[in-house]
Amino acid sequence: MHQLSDQELIKAYTTKGNAAAFEVLFNRHRQKIYTSIYLFVRCHEKSNDIFQEIFIKVIDRLQQGKYKDDDKFLPWVMRIARNYCIDEYRNNKRNRVLLNSDERDYFRSIPSSISTGEDVVMSEQTCNHVKDLVDQLPAEQKEVVVMRHYYGLKFNEIAEETNSNLNTVLGRMRYALINLRKMIEEKELVL
């Protein structure tokens, strides 16, 4: 069953009610979907709740026949997750960046060849400054920056994931970089 494509697994689930097919599909993509949700809300507890809600929606839509065969499953689910996170943000009208001091930050995953204690402290400060600056970007710009630098996605992949055209994604990245430079200058940061 693990060798089947996403489309074949979906067909087995929707036409034959094969729950094992959905489980394989779920396990194949759950880490990417969870990570994308976490990058929006930055809280593991909230991410878990949203993740469960997303998969309930996915199951319902599959059972109702709302999935089209020409859709790719992962981008389809990512759009649902992205829209859900945006709706949650709008409904709560509060800062959606929730970070506990013990949680790992996506900018800390950038590889480094640091050797001295002073370099480690400087790198930590730089990561914190960059994270704070990125968190201040408008949601669409932040999303593109994170997907490009954390996920390592190409711009055309980001366009597909966000259901935007390539020029829109490139524009968002351009404005994100302009805004980051302005903030660095205004705060007189040395990174």
N, C-alpha and C. Protein backbone atom coordinates (compact mmCIF):
# COMPACT_ATOMS: atom_id res chain seq x y z
N MET A 1 0.82 -1.19 0.00
CA MET A 1 0.00 0.00 0.00
C MET A 1 0.87 1.26 0.00
N HIS A 2 2.06 1.19 0.59
CA HIS A 2 2.95 2.36 0.66
C HIS A 2 3.48 2.78 -0.70
N GLN A 3 3.45 1.88 -1.67
CA GLN A 3 3.95 2.19 -3.00
C GLN A 3 2.91 2.92 -3.84
N LEU A 4 1.67 2.95 -3.42
CA LEU A 4 0.61 3.59 -4.18
C LEU A 4 0.78 5.11 -4.17
N SER A 5 0.35 5.74 -5.26
CA SER A 5 0.40 7.20 -5.33
C SER A 5 -0.70 7.79 -4.44
N ASP A 6 -0.61 9.08 -4.22
CA ASP A 6 -1.65 9.76 -3.44
C ASP A 6 -3.02 9.56 -4.08
N GLN A 7 -3.09 9.69 -5.40
CA GLN A 7 -4.36 9.55 -6.11
C GLN A 7 -4.94 8.15 -5.93
N GLU A 8 -4.09 7.15 -5.98
CA GLU A 8 -4.56 5.77 -5.82
C GLU A 8 -5.05 5.53 -4.39
N LEU A 9 -4.36 6.11 -3.42
CA LEU A 9 -4.78 5.97 -2.03
C LEU A 9 -6.12 6.67 -1.79
N ILE A 10 -6.28 7.84 -2.38
CA ILE A 10 -7.53 8.58 -2.24
C ILE A 10 -8.68 7.79 -2.86
N LYS A 11 -8.43 7.22 -4.02
CA LYS A 11 -9.47 6.44 -4.69
C LYS A 11 -9.85 5.22 -3.84
N ALA A 12 -8.85 4.56 -3.26
CA ALA A 12 -9.13 3.39 -2.41
C ALA A 12 -9.95 3.81 -1.19
N TYR A 13 -9.67 4.98 -0.67
CA TYR A 13 -10.40 5.45 0.51
C TYR A 13 -11.82 5.89 0.16
N THR A 14 -11.94 6.67 -0.92
CA THR A 14 -13.26 7.24 -1.23
C THR A 14 -14.21 6.23 -1.88
N THR A 15 -13.69 5.32 -2.68
CA THR A 15 -14.59 4.38 -3.37
C THR A 15 -14.80 3.08 -2.61
N LYS A 16 -13.78 2.63 -1.91
CA LYS A 16 -13.87 1.34 -1.22
C LYS A 16 -13.93 1.48 0.30
N GLY A 17 -13.77 2.71 0.80
CA GLY A 17 -13.80 2.92 2.24
C GLY A 17 -12.60 2.32 2.96
N ASN A 18 -11.48 2.21 2.27
CA ASN A 18 -10.27 1.60 2.81
C ASN A 18 -9.58 2.59 3.76
N ALA A 19 -9.80 2.42 5.05
CA ALA A 19 -9.21 3.31 6.05
C ALA A 19 -7.69 3.21 6.09
N ALA A 20 -7.15 2.05 5.77
CA ALA A 20 -5.69 1.87 5.76
C ALA A 20 -5.06 2.75 4.68
N ALA A 21 -5.76 2.94 3.57
CA ALA A 21 -5.25 3.80 2.49
C ALA A 21 -5.15 5.24 2.98
N PHE A 22 -6.17 5.69 3.71
CA PHE A 22 -6.11 7.05 4.24
C PHE A 22 -5.01 7.18 5.28
N GLU A 23 -4.81 6.16 6.08
CA GLU A 23 -3.75 6.19 7.10
C GLU A 23 -2.38 6.34 6.45
N VAL A 24 -2.14 5.63 5.35
CA VAL A 24 -0.86 5.76 4.64
C VAL A 24 -0.71 7.18 4.10
N LEU A 25 -1.77 7.70 3.53
CA LEU A 25 -1.77 9.07 2.99
C LEU A 25 -1.51 10.08 4.10
N PHE A 26 -2.17 9.90 5.22
CA PHE A 26 -2.01 10.77 6.39
C PHE A 26 -0.56 10.74 6.88
N ASN A 27 -0.01 9.56 7.07
CA ASN A 27 1.36 9.42 7.58
C ASN A 27 2.39 9.97 6.60
N ARG A 28 2.10 9.89 5.33
CA ARG A 28 3.02 10.38 4.29
C ARG A 28 3.20 11.89 4.37
N HIS A 29 2.16 12.61 4.74
CA HIS A 29 2.19 14.08 4.64
C HIS A 29 2.03 14.81 5.97
N ARG A 30 1.83 14.10 7.06
CA ARG A 30 1.49 14.79 8.30
C ARG A 30 2.57 15.73 8.81
N GLN A 31 3.84 15.39 8.66
CA GLN A 31 4.91 16.25 9.19
C GLN A 31 4.95 17.60 8.47
N LYS A 32 4.84 17.59 7.15
CA LYS A 32 4.86 18.85 6.41
C LYS A 32 3.66 19.72 6.75
N ILE A 33 2.51 19.08 6.87
CA ILE A 33 1.29 19.84 7.17
C ILE A 33 1.37 20.40 8.58
N TYR A 34 1.79 19.59 9.54
CA TYR A 34 1.91 20.07 10.92
C TYR A 34 2.91 21.23 10.99
N THR A 35 4.04 21.10 10.31
CA THR A 35 5.06 22.14 10.34
C THR A 35 4.52 23.44 9.76
N SER A 36 3.77 23.35 8.67
CA SER A 36 3.22 24.57 8.08
C SER A 36 2.24 25.25 9.04
N ILE A 37 1.47 24.46 9.76
CA ILE A 37 0.54 25.01 10.75
C ILE A 37 1.33 25.65 11.89
N TYR A 38 2.34 24.96 12.37
CA TYR A 38 3.14 25.47 13.48
C TYR A 38 3.80 26.81 13.13
N LEU A 39 4.26 26.94 11.89
CA LEU A 39 4.90 28.18 11.49
C LEU A 39 3.93 29.36 11.50
N PHE A 40 2.65 29.09 11.38
CA PHE A 40 1.65 30.14 11.50
C PHE A 40 1.37 30.50 12.95
N VAL A 41 1.16 29.51 13.79
CA VAL A 41 0.68 29.79 15.15
C VAL A 41 1.76 29.75 16.21
N ARG A 42 2.87 29.06 15.93
CA ARG A 42 4.04 29.03 16.82
C ARG A 42 3.71 28.54 18.23
N CYS A 43 2.80 27.61 18.33
CA CYS A 43 2.44 27.02 19.61
C CYS A 43 2.06 25.57 19.32
N HIS A 44 2.75 24.63 19.97
CA HIS A 44 2.51 23.21 19.68
C HIS A 44 1.09 22.78 20.04
N GLU A 45 0.59 23.25 21.17
CA GLU A 45 -0.76 22.86 21.58
C GLU A 45 -1.80 23.33 20.57
N LYS A 46 -1.71 24.59 20.18
CA LYS A 46 -2.65 25.15 19.19
C LYS A 46 -2.46 24.47 17.84
N SER A 47 -1.21 24.19 17.47
CA SER A 47 -0.94 23.51 16.20
C SER A 47 -1.58 22.14 16.16
N ASN A 48 -1.49 21.41 17.27
CA ASN A 48 -2.12 20.08 17.34
C ASN A 48 -3.63 20.18 17.17
N ASP A 49 -4.24 21.16 17.82
CA ASP A 49 -5.68 21.34 17.69
C ASP A 49 -6.07 21.65 16.25
N ILE A 50 -5.36 22.58 15.64
CA ILE A 50 -5.66 22.96 14.25
C ILE A 50 -5.41 21.77 13.32
N PHE A 51 -4.33 21.05 13.56
CA PHE A 51 -4.00 19.89 12.72
C PHE A 51 -5.15 18.88 12.74
N GLN A 52 -5.71 18.62 13.90
CA GLN A 52 -6.84 17.69 14.00
C GLN A 52 -8.05 18.23 13.27
N GLU A 53 -8.31 19.52 13.41
CA GLU A 53 -9.44 20.14 12.71
C GLU A 53 -9.26 20.04 11.19
N ILE A 54 -8.04 20.24 10.74
CA ILE A 54 -7.77 20.18 9.30
C ILE A 54 -8.07 18.79 8.77
N PHE A 55 -7.62 17.76 9.48
CA PHE A 55 -7.85 16.42 8.97
C PHE A 55 -9.31 15.98 9.07
N ILE A 56 -10.04 16.54 10.00
CA ILE A 56 -11.49 16.29 10.01
C ILE A 56 -12.11 16.91 8.76
N LYS A 57 -11.68 18.15 8.43
CA LYS A 57 -12.18 18.81 7.21
C LYS A 57 -11.79 18.01 5.97
N VAL A 58 -10.55 17.52 5.92
CA VAL A 58 -10.08 16.76 4.77
C VAL A 58 -10.92 15.49 4.60
N ILE A 59 -11.15 14.78 5.68
CA ILE A 59 -11.94 13.55 5.62
C ILE A 59 -13.35 13.87 5.13
N ASP A 60 -13.96 14.91 5.70
CA ASP A 60 -15.31 15.30 5.27
C ASP A 60 -15.35 15.64 3.79
N ARG A 61 -14.39 16.42 3.33
CA ARG A 61 -14.39 16.84 1.92
C ARG A 61 -14.14 15.65 0.99
N LEU A 62 -13.28 14.73 1.42
CA LEU A 62 -13.06 13.54 0.60
C LEU A 62 -14.34 12.71 0.53
N GLN A 63 -15.00 12.52 1.64
CA GLN A 63 -16.22 11.72 1.67
C GLN A 63 -17.36 12.38 0.92
N GLN A 64 -17.36 13.71 0.86
CA GLN A 64 -18.39 14.44 0.13
C GLN A 64 -18.07 14.58 -1.35
N GLY A 65 -16.91 14.06 -1.76
CA GLY A 65 -16.51 14.13 -3.16
C GLY A 65 -16.05 15.50 -3.60
N LYS A 66 -15.57 16.32 -2.67
CA LYS A 66 -15.13 17.68 -2.99
C LYS A 66 -13.67 17.74 -3.42
N TYR A 67 -13.02 16.61 -3.48
CA TYR A 67 -11.63 16.57 -3.96
C TYR A 67 -11.66 16.21 -5.44
N LYS A 68 -10.95 16.99 -6.26
CA LYS A 68 -10.89 16.72 -7.69
C LYS A 68 -9.63 15.93 -7.99
N ASP A 69 -9.74 15.00 -8.92
CA ASP A 69 -8.59 14.15 -9.26
C ASP A 69 -7.42 14.95 -9.81
N ASP A 70 -7.67 16.12 -10.40
CA ASP A 70 -6.56 16.88 -10.97
C ASP A 70 -5.80 17.68 -9.90
N ASP A 71 -6.35 17.76 -8.70
CA ASP A 71 -5.63 18.41 -7.59
C ASP A 71 -4.52 17.49 -7.10
N LYS A 72 -3.44 18.09 -6.65
CA LYS A 72 -2.42 17.32 -5.96
C LYS A 72 -2.81 17.36 -4.49
N PHE A 73 -2.73 16.22 -3.83
CA PHE A 73 -3.25 16.11 -2.46
C PHE A 73 -2.55 17.05 -1.49
N LEU A 74 -1.23 17.04 -1.44
CA LEU A 74 -0.51 17.86 -0.46
C LEU A 74 -0.79 19.35 -0.63
N PRO A 75 -0.67 19.91 -1.84
CA PRO A 75 -0.99 21.34 -1.98
C PRO A 75 -2.45 21.65 -1.63
N TRP A 76 -3.36 20.72 -1.92
CA TRP A 76 -4.77 20.89 -1.59
C TRP A 76 -4.95 20.99 -0.07
N VAL A 77 -4.32 20.08 0.67
CA VAL A 77 -4.43 20.10 2.13
C VAL A 77 -3.72 21.32 2.70
N MET A 78 -2.58 21.69 2.12
CA MET A 78 -1.84 22.86 2.60
C MET A 78 -2.68 24.14 2.42
N ARG A 79 -3.43 24.23 1.31
CA ARG A 79 -4.31 25.38 1.12
C ARG A 79 -5.40 25.42 2.19
N ILE A 80 -5.97 24.24 2.48
CA ILE A 80 -6.99 24.17 3.53
C ILE A 80 -6.39 24.62 4.86
N ALA A 81 -5.20 24.13 5.19
CA ALA A 81 -4.53 24.48 6.45
C ALA A 81 -4.21 25.97 6.51
N ARG A 82 -3.68 26.48 5.41
CA ARG A 82 -3.32 27.90 5.35
C ARG A 82 -4.56 28.77 5.54
N ASN A 83 -5.62 28.45 4.83
CA ASN A 83 -6.85 29.23 4.95
C ASN A 83 -7.44 29.14 6.36
N TYR A 84 -7.36 27.96 6.95
CA TYR A 84 -7.87 27.79 8.31
C TYR A 84 -7.06 28.65 9.29
N CYS A 85 -5.74 28.63 9.16
CA CYS A 85 -4.88 29.43 10.05
C CYS A 85 -5.16 30.92 9.88
N ILE A 86 -5.33 31.36 8.65
CA ILE A 86 -5.63 32.77 8.40
C ILE A 86 -6.98 33.13 9.02
N ASP A 87 -7.97 32.26 8.85
CA ASP A 87 -9.28 32.51 9.44
C ASP A 87 -9.19 32.58 10.97
N GLU A 88 -8.43 31.68 11.57
CA GLU A 88 -8.24 31.70 13.02
C GLU A 88 -7.60 33.01 13.47
N TYR A 89 -6.60 33.44 12.71
CA TYR A 89 -5.92 34.69 13.04
C TYR A 89 -6.90 35.86 12.98
N ARG A 90 -7.68 35.90 11.91
CA ARG A 90 -8.65 36.99 11.75
C ARG A 90 -9.72 36.95 12.84
N ASN A 91 -10.19 35.75 13.15
CA ASN A 91 -11.24 35.62 14.16
C ASN A 91 -10.76 36.01 15.55
N ASN A 92 -9.55 35.66 15.87
CA ASN A 92 -9.02 35.96 17.21
C ASN A 92 -8.52 37.39 17.33
N LYS A 93 -8.15 38.00 16.21
CA LYS A 93 -7.64 39.38 16.18
C LYS A 93 -6.60 39.62 17.27
N ARG A 94 -5.67 38.72 17.32
CA ARG A 94 -4.58 38.88 18.29
C ARG A 94 -3.29 38.42 17.63
N ASN A 95 -2.22 38.67 18.26
CA ASN A 95 -0.93 38.28 17.73
C ASN A 95 -0.86 36.76 17.67
N ARG A 96 -0.64 36.22 16.48
CA ARG A 96 -0.65 34.77 16.32
C ARG A 96 0.72 34.14 16.56
N VAL A 97 1.69 34.94 16.88
CA VAL A 97 3.02 34.39 17.13
C VAL A 97 3.14 34.11 18.61
N LEU A 98 3.02 32.85 18.97
CA LEU A 98 3.11 32.42 20.36
C LEU A 98 4.34 31.54 20.50
N LEU A 99 5.30 31.99 21.25
CA LEU A 99 6.55 31.25 21.36
C LEU A 99 6.92 31.12 22.82
N ASN A 100 6.93 29.89 23.31
CA ASN A 100 7.41 29.65 24.67
C ASN A 100 8.92 29.69 24.64
N SER A 101 9.52 30.06 25.76
CA SER A 101 10.96 30.22 25.78
C SER A 101 11.71 28.91 25.53
N ASP A 102 11.07 27.76 25.78
CA ASP A 102 11.75 26.49 25.58
C ASP A 102 11.49 25.89 24.21
N GLU A 103 10.67 26.54 23.37
CA GLU A 103 10.39 25.98 22.06
C GLU A 103 11.50 26.34 21.08
N ARG A 104 11.66 25.51 20.08
CA ARG A 104 12.69 25.70 19.09
C ARG A 104 12.22 26.68 18.03
N ASP A 105 13.08 27.53 17.61
CA ASP A 105 12.78 28.54 16.63
C ASP A 105 13.31 28.09 15.27
N TYR A 106 12.56 28.35 14.20
CA TYR A 106 12.98 27.89 12.89
C TYR A 106 14.26 28.55 12.41
N PHE A 107 14.60 29.74 12.89
CA PHE A 107 15.85 30.37 12.48
C PHE A 107 17.07 29.76 13.18
N ARG A 108 16.84 29.05 14.27
CA ARG A 108 17.95 28.40 14.94
C ARG A 108 18.39 27.13 14.19
N SER A 109 17.63 26.71 13.21
CA SER A 109 18.00 25.51 12.46
C SER A 109 18.97 25.81 11.33
N ILE A 110 19.34 27.08 11.17
CA ILE A 110 20.29 27.44 10.13
C ILE A 110 21.67 26.91 10.53
N PRO A 111 22.30 26.11 9.65
CA PRO A 111 23.59 25.54 10.01
C PRO A 111 24.66 26.61 10.22
N SER A 112 25.59 26.32 11.10
CA SER A 112 26.62 27.28 11.43
C SER A 112 27.91 26.56 11.79
N SER A 113 29.02 27.23 11.57
CA SER A 113 30.32 26.64 11.92
C SER A 113 30.92 27.42 13.09
N ILE A 114 30.15 27.68 14.10
CA ILE A 114 30.56 28.50 15.25
C ILE A 114 31.41 27.66 16.20
N SER A 115 32.48 28.28 16.73
CA SER A 115 33.35 27.51 17.60
C SER A 115 33.52 28.12 18.98
N THR A 116 33.49 29.45 19.10
CA THR A 116 33.74 30.04 20.41
C THR A 116 32.44 30.41 21.12
N GLY A 117 32.51 30.57 22.43
CA GLY A 117 31.34 30.96 23.22
C GLY A 117 30.80 32.31 22.81
N GLU A 118 31.70 33.24 22.53
CA GLU A 118 31.26 34.58 22.11
C GLU A 118 30.53 34.51 20.78
N ASP A 119 31.03 33.67 19.86
CA ASP A 119 30.36 33.50 18.57
C ASP A 119 28.97 32.90 18.75
N VAL A 120 28.84 31.97 19.69
CA VAL A 120 27.54 31.35 19.95
C VAL A 120 26.55 32.41 20.44
N VAL A 121 26.99 33.25 21.38
CA VAL A 121 26.12 34.31 21.91
C VAL A 121 25.74 35.28 20.79
N MET A 122 26.71 35.67 19.97
CA MET A 122 26.43 36.59 18.86
C MET A 122 25.45 35.97 17.88
N SER A 123 25.63 34.69 17.59
CA SER A 123 24.72 34.01 16.68
C SER A 123 23.30 33.94 17.25
N GLU A 124 23.20 33.65 18.55
CA GLU A 124 21.89 33.62 19.23
C GLU A 124 21.22 34.98 19.11
N GLN A 125 21.96 36.04 19.36
CA GLN A 125 21.39 37.39 19.29
C GLN A 125 20.94 37.71 17.87
N THR A 126 21.77 37.34 16.89
CA THR A 126 21.42 37.58 15.50
C THR A 126 20.15 36.82 15.13
N CYS A 127 20.05 35.54 15.52
CA CYS A 127 18.84 34.75 15.25
C CYS A 127 17.62 35.40 15.88
N ASN A 128 17.78 35.88 17.11
CA ASN A 128 16.65 36.53 17.79
C ASN A 128 16.23 37.81 17.08
N HIS A 129 17.21 38.60 16.63
CA HIS A 129 16.90 39.83 15.90
C HIS A 129 16.18 39.51 14.59
N VAL A 130 16.71 38.55 13.86
CA VAL A 130 16.10 38.18 12.57
C VAL A 130 14.68 37.66 12.79
N LYS A 131 14.50 36.81 13.79
CA LYS A 131 13.17 36.27 14.09
C LYS A 131 12.20 37.39 14.42
N ASP A 132 12.63 38.31 15.26
CA ASP A 132 11.76 39.43 15.64
C ASP A 132 11.40 40.28 14.42
N LEU A 133 12.36 40.51 13.55
CA LEU A 133 12.09 41.31 12.35
C LEU A 133 11.12 40.59 11.41
N VAL A 134 11.33 39.30 11.21
CA VAL A 134 10.44 38.53 10.33
C VAL A 134 9.04 38.47 10.91
N ASP A 135 8.94 38.36 12.23
CA ASP A 135 7.62 38.33 12.88
C ASP A 135 6.85 39.63 12.68
N GLN A 136 7.55 40.73 12.41
CA GLN A 136 6.89 42.02 12.22
C GLN A 136 6.42 42.24 10.79
N LEU A 137 6.81 41.35 9.88
CA LEU A 137 6.38 41.48 8.48
C LEU A 137 4.89 41.18 8.35
N PRO A 138 4.25 41.74 7.33
CA PRO A 138 2.87 41.34 7.04
C PRO A 138 2.81 39.83 6.79
N ALA A 139 1.67 39.22 7.07
CA ALA A 139 1.53 37.76 7.04
C ALA A 139 1.97 37.14 5.72
N GLU A 140 1.58 37.74 4.58
CA GLU A 140 1.92 37.16 3.28
C GLU A 140 3.44 37.19 3.04
N GLN A 141 4.08 38.27 3.46
CA GLN A 141 5.52 38.38 3.28
C GLN A 141 6.26 37.40 4.19
N LYS A 142 5.81 37.31 5.43
CA LYS A 142 6.43 36.39 6.38
C LYS A 142 6.31 34.96 5.87
N GLU A 143 5.15 34.62 5.34
CA GLU A 143 4.92 33.27 4.84
C GLU A 143 5.93 32.91 3.74
N VAL A 144 6.15 33.83 2.80
CA VAL A 144 7.08 33.57 1.70
C VAL A 144 8.50 33.43 2.23
N VAL A 145 8.90 34.30 3.14
CA VAL A 145 10.26 34.23 3.71
C VAL A 145 10.48 32.89 4.41
N VAL A 146 9.52 32.48 5.21
CA VAL A 146 9.66 31.23 5.96
C VAL A 146 9.68 30.04 5.01
N MET A 147 8.78 30.02 4.03
CA MET A 147 8.73 28.89 3.10
C MET A 147 10.01 28.81 2.26
N ARG A 148 10.56 29.96 1.91
CA ARG A 148 11.78 29.98 1.09
C ARG A 148 13.01 29.57 1.90
N HIS A 149 13.16 30.15 3.09
CA HIS A 149 14.39 29.93 3.85
C HIS A 149 14.31 28.77 4.83
N TYR A 150 13.13 28.45 5.33
CA TYR A 150 13.03 27.32 6.25
C TYR A 150 12.75 26.02 5.50
N TYR A 151 11.73 26.07 4.64
CA TYR A 151 11.39 24.87 3.87
C TYR A 151 12.38 24.63 2.73
N GLY A 152 13.00 25.71 2.25
CA GLY A 152 13.89 25.58 1.10
C GLY A 152 13.12 25.41 -0.20
N LEU A 153 11.87 25.88 -0.21
CA LEU A 153 11.06 25.74 -1.42
C LEU A 153 11.50 26.74 -2.47
N LYS A 154 11.32 26.37 -3.73
CA LYS A 154 11.58 27.30 -4.83
C LYS A 154 10.37 28.22 -4.94
N PHE A 155 10.56 29.35 -5.61
CA PHE A 155 9.48 30.32 -5.69
C PHE A 155 8.25 29.76 -6.41
N ASN A 156 8.46 28.94 -7.44
CA ASN A 156 7.30 28.36 -8.13
C ASN A 156 6.56 27.37 -7.23
N GLU A 157 7.27 26.69 -6.34
CA GLU A 157 6.63 25.78 -5.38
C GLU A 157 5.84 26.58 -4.33
N ILE A 158 6.40 27.71 -3.92
CA ILE A 158 5.69 28.57 -2.97
C ILE A 158 4.41 29.09 -3.61
N ALA A 159 4.50 29.46 -4.88
CA ALA A 159 3.31 29.94 -5.60
C ALA A 159 2.23 28.87 -5.62
N GLU A 160 2.64 27.64 -5.86
CA GLU A 160 1.68 26.54 -5.88
C GLU A 160 1.08 26.30 -4.50
N GLU A 161 1.93 26.31 -3.47
CA GLU A 161 1.47 26.05 -2.11
C GLU A 161 0.51 27.13 -1.61
N THR A 162 0.74 28.37 -2.00
CA THR A 162 -0.09 29.47 -1.51
C THR A 162 -1.20 29.83 -2.48
N ASN A 163 -1.28 29.10 -3.58
CA ASN A 163 -2.31 29.34 -4.59
C ASN A 163 -2.21 30.77 -5.13
N SER A 164 -0.98 31.22 -5.38
CA SER A 164 -0.71 32.55 -5.90
C SER A 164 0.07 32.39 -7.19
N ASN A 165 0.16 33.47 -7.96
CA ASN A 165 1.01 33.36 -9.14
C ASN A 165 2.45 33.70 -8.78
N LEU A 166 3.36 33.31 -9.64
CA LEU A 166 4.80 33.45 -9.36
C LEU A 166 5.19 34.91 -9.12
N ASN A 167 4.66 35.83 -9.93
CA ASN A 167 5.01 37.24 -9.76
C ASN A 167 4.56 37.79 -8.42
N THR A 168 3.42 37.33 -7.93
CA THR A 168 2.95 37.76 -6.61
C THR A 168 3.91 37.29 -5.53
N VAL A 169 4.35 36.04 -5.62
CA VAL A 169 5.29 35.49 -4.63
C VAL A 169 6.61 36.25 -4.68
N LEU A 170 7.11 36.50 -5.89
CA LEU A 170 8.37 37.25 -6.02
C LEU A 170 8.22 38.66 -5.47
N GLY A 171 7.07 39.28 -5.71
CA GLY A 171 6.82 40.62 -5.18
C GLY A 171 6.79 40.62 -3.66
N ARG A 172 6.15 39.60 -3.09
CA ARG A 172 6.09 39.51 -1.62
C ARG A 172 7.49 39.36 -1.02
N MET A 173 8.32 38.56 -1.68
CA MET A 173 9.70 38.39 -1.19
C MET A 173 10.46 39.70 -1.33
N ARG A 174 10.29 40.38 -2.44
CA ARG A 174 10.97 41.65 -2.66
C ARG A 174 10.57 42.65 -1.57
N TYR A 175 9.26 42.79 -1.33
CA TYR A 175 8.80 43.73 -0.31
C TYR A 175 9.24 43.29 1.09
N ALA A 176 9.29 41.99 1.33
CA ALA A 176 9.77 41.50 2.63
C ALA A 176 11.21 41.93 2.85
N LEU A 177 12.05 41.77 1.83
CA LEU A 177 13.45 42.17 1.95
C LEU A 177 13.60 43.68 2.13
N ILE A 178 12.80 44.44 1.39
CA ILE A 178 12.82 45.90 1.54
C ILE A 178 12.41 46.28 2.97
N ASN A 179 11.34 45.67 3.46
CA ASN A 179 10.87 45.97 4.82
C ASN A 179 11.89 45.55 5.87
N LEU A 180 12.54 44.41 5.67
CA LEU A 180 13.57 43.96 6.62
C LEU A 180 14.74 44.95 6.65
N ARG A 181 15.17 45.39 5.47
CA ARG A 181 16.27 46.37 5.41
C ARG A 181 15.89 47.66 6.13
N LYS A 182 14.66 48.15 5.91
CA LYS A 182 14.20 49.38 6.57
C LYS A 182 14.22 49.20 8.09
N MET A 183 13.71 48.08 8.56
CA MET A 183 13.67 47.84 10.00
C MET A 183 15.07 47.76 10.58
N ILE A 184 15.99 47.13 9.86
CA ILE A 184 17.38 47.03 10.33
C ILE A 184 17.99 48.43 10.43
N GLU A 185 17.75 49.26 9.41
CA GLU A 185 18.28 50.62 9.44
C GLU A 185 17.64 51.45 10.56
N GLU A 186 16.33 51.35 10.70
CA GLU A 186 15.63 52.13 11.73
C GLU A 186 16.09 51.76 13.13
N LYS A 187 16.34 50.49 13.35
CA LYS A 187 16.75 50.01 14.67
C LYS A 187 18.26 50.01 14.83
N GLU A 188 18.95 50.39 13.75
CA GLU A 188 20.42 50.46 13.74
C GLU A 188 21.05 49.14 14.21
N LEU A 189 20.51 48.06 13.68
CA LEU A 189 21.02 46.73 14.03
C LEU A 189 22.23 46.38 13.18
N VAL A 190 23.13 45.64 13.77
CA VAL A 190 24.28 45.11 13.05
C VAL A 190 24.14 43.59 13.11
N LEU A 191 23.85 42.99 11.96
CA LEU A 191 23.63 41.54 11.93
C LEU A 191 24.83 40.81 11.37
